[in-house]
Protein backbone atom coordinates (compact mmCIF):
# COMPACT_ATOMS: atom_id res chain seq x y z
CA ILE A 1 9.73 -18.40 -29.56
CA LYS A 2 9.84 -15.22 -30.13
CA LYS A 3 8.08 -12.95 -28.55
CA LYS A 4 6.10 -9.81 -29.29
CA LYS A 5 6.21 -6.77 -27.18
CA ILE A 6 3.42 -4.34 -27.24
CA LYS A 7 3.74 -0.32 -26.20
CA VAL A 8 1.27 0.23 -23.37
CA ILE A 9 0.16 3.87 -22.81
CA ALA A 10 -1.04 4.39 -18.93
CA LEU A 11 -3.32 7.05 -18.47
CA ASP A 12 -4.97 7.56 -14.73
CA HIS A 13 -5.90 10.30 -12.80
CA HIS A 14 -3.69 9.96 -9.60
CA VAL A 15 -0.39 11.07 -9.00
CA ILE A 16 1.93 11.07 -11.93
CA GLU A 17 4.15 7.81 -12.20
CA LYS A 18 7.22 7.25 -13.93
CA SER A 19 5.57 4.94 -16.14
CA SER A 20 2.86 7.40 -16.69
CA ILE A 21 1.40 9.95 -18.99
CA ASP A 22 0.50 13.43 -17.10
CA SER A 23 -2.87 13.47 -18.62
CA SER A 24 -4.02 17.15 -17.24
CA SER A 25 -1.45 18.08 -19.62
CA LEU A 26 -2.46 16.15 -22.65
CA PHE A 27 -6.26 16.95 -22.24
CA VAL A 28 -9.12 17.37 -19.68
CA GLY A 29 -7.36 18.59 -16.49
CA ALA A 30 -7.71 17.25 -13.40
CA ALA A 31 -10.31 14.29 -12.78
CA PHE A 32 -11.89 12.40 -10.08
CA SER A 33 -12.01 9.08 -12.50
CA THR A 34 -9.78 7.55 -15.39
CA THR A 35 -13.21 6.96 -17.13
CA GLN A 36 -13.59 10.87 -16.98
CA LEU A 37 -10.57 11.45 -18.77
CA LEU A 38 -11.42 9.16 -21.43
CA LEU A 39 -14.86 10.69 -21.45
CA HIS A 40 -13.42 13.74 -22.52
CA ARG A 41 -10.56 12.31 -24.84
CA PHE A 42 -12.68 9.53 -26.68
CA PHE A 43 -16.23 10.79 -26.31
CA MET A 44 -16.85 11.35 -30.10
CA TYR A 45 -16.06 6.93 -29.99
CA PHE A 46 -18.75 5.79 -27.30
CA ASP A 47 -21.32 3.93 -28.07
CA LYS A 48 -24.53 3.61 -25.17
CA ASP A 49 -21.86 0.27 -23.90
CA CYS A 50 -19.40 2.85 -23.42
CA TYR A 51 -20.76 5.22 -21.70
CA PHE A 52 -22.67 3.24 -19.26
CA TYR A 53 -19.13 1.49 -18.22
CA SER A 54 -18.16 5.17 -17.65
CA ALA A 55 -20.43 5.68 -15.80
CA ILE A 56 -19.93 2.12 -13.67
CA GLY A 57 -15.97 3.79 -13.60
CA MET A 58 -16.95 6.66 -12.36
CA LEU A 59 -18.81 4.89 -9.65
CA GLU A 60 -16.40 2.41 -8.24
CA ASP A 61 -13.22 5.36 -8.81
CA THR A 62 -14.79 7.43 -6.72
CA GLY A 63 -15.63 4.89 -3.79
CA HIS A 64 -19.11 5.34 -4.79
CA PHE A 65 -18.95 9.67 -4.79
CA LEU A 66 -16.79 9.97 -1.78
CA VAL A 67 -15.00 12.18 -3.68
CA ALA A 68 -16.44 14.17 -6.47
CA ASP A 69 -17.12 17.83 -7.52
CA THR A 70 -19.94 18.96 -9.84
CA ARG A 71 -18.06 18.15 -12.99
CA LEU A 72 -18.05 14.64 -12.23
CA PHE A 73 -21.37 14.73 -11.35
CA SER A 74 -22.41 15.96 -14.75
CA ASP A 75 -20.13 13.85 -16.76
CA PHE A 76 -22.17 10.58 -14.92
CA ALA A 77 -25.30 12.08 -15.65
CA ILE A 78 -24.26 12.38 -19.10
CA CYS A 79 -23.29 8.67 -19.17
CA LEU A 80 -25.98 7.36 -17.80
CA LYS A 81 -28.49 9.69 -19.93
CA LYS A 82 -26.68 8.16 -22.94
CA SER A 83 -26.45 4.58 -21.92
CA LYS A 84 -30.14 4.52 -21.62
CA LYS A 85 -29.96 2.98 -18.90
CA GLU A 86 -31.00 4.29 -15.17
CA PHE A 87 -29.06 4.12 -11.87
CA SER A 88 -30.28 1.53 -9.94
CA GLU A 89 -28.41 -1.55 -7.67
CA ASN A 90 -29.91 -3.92 -10.30
CA ASN A 91 -27.76 -2.26 -12.97
CA ILE A 92 -25.22 -2.13 -11.08
CA LEU A 93 -25.23 -5.63 -9.44
CA ALA A 94 -25.93 -6.99 -13.13
CA PHE A 95 -22.54 -5.70 -14.14
CA MET A 96 -20.59 -7.32 -11.31
CA ILE A 97 -22.04 -10.75 -11.48
């Protein structure tokens, strides 16, 4: 059986590892969440679900905002608004079930 090989591009907001791409040099600079990087690079392709999942990613990647800055809060608010969802435990729990 012949196996297919696929290429994987790793984007992360953490310290650069050998297999990762330095996303700060590509498009957006420092970020507190990987979904924040994706938002700034690919927002033109986002639909309301992508915005909602990005908001969840920002929430989870920052430990529920234990680390953040004004840009992250702004990005989070934009994602919630464009997802047409409200920030509530119901939305968070519904996503995680």
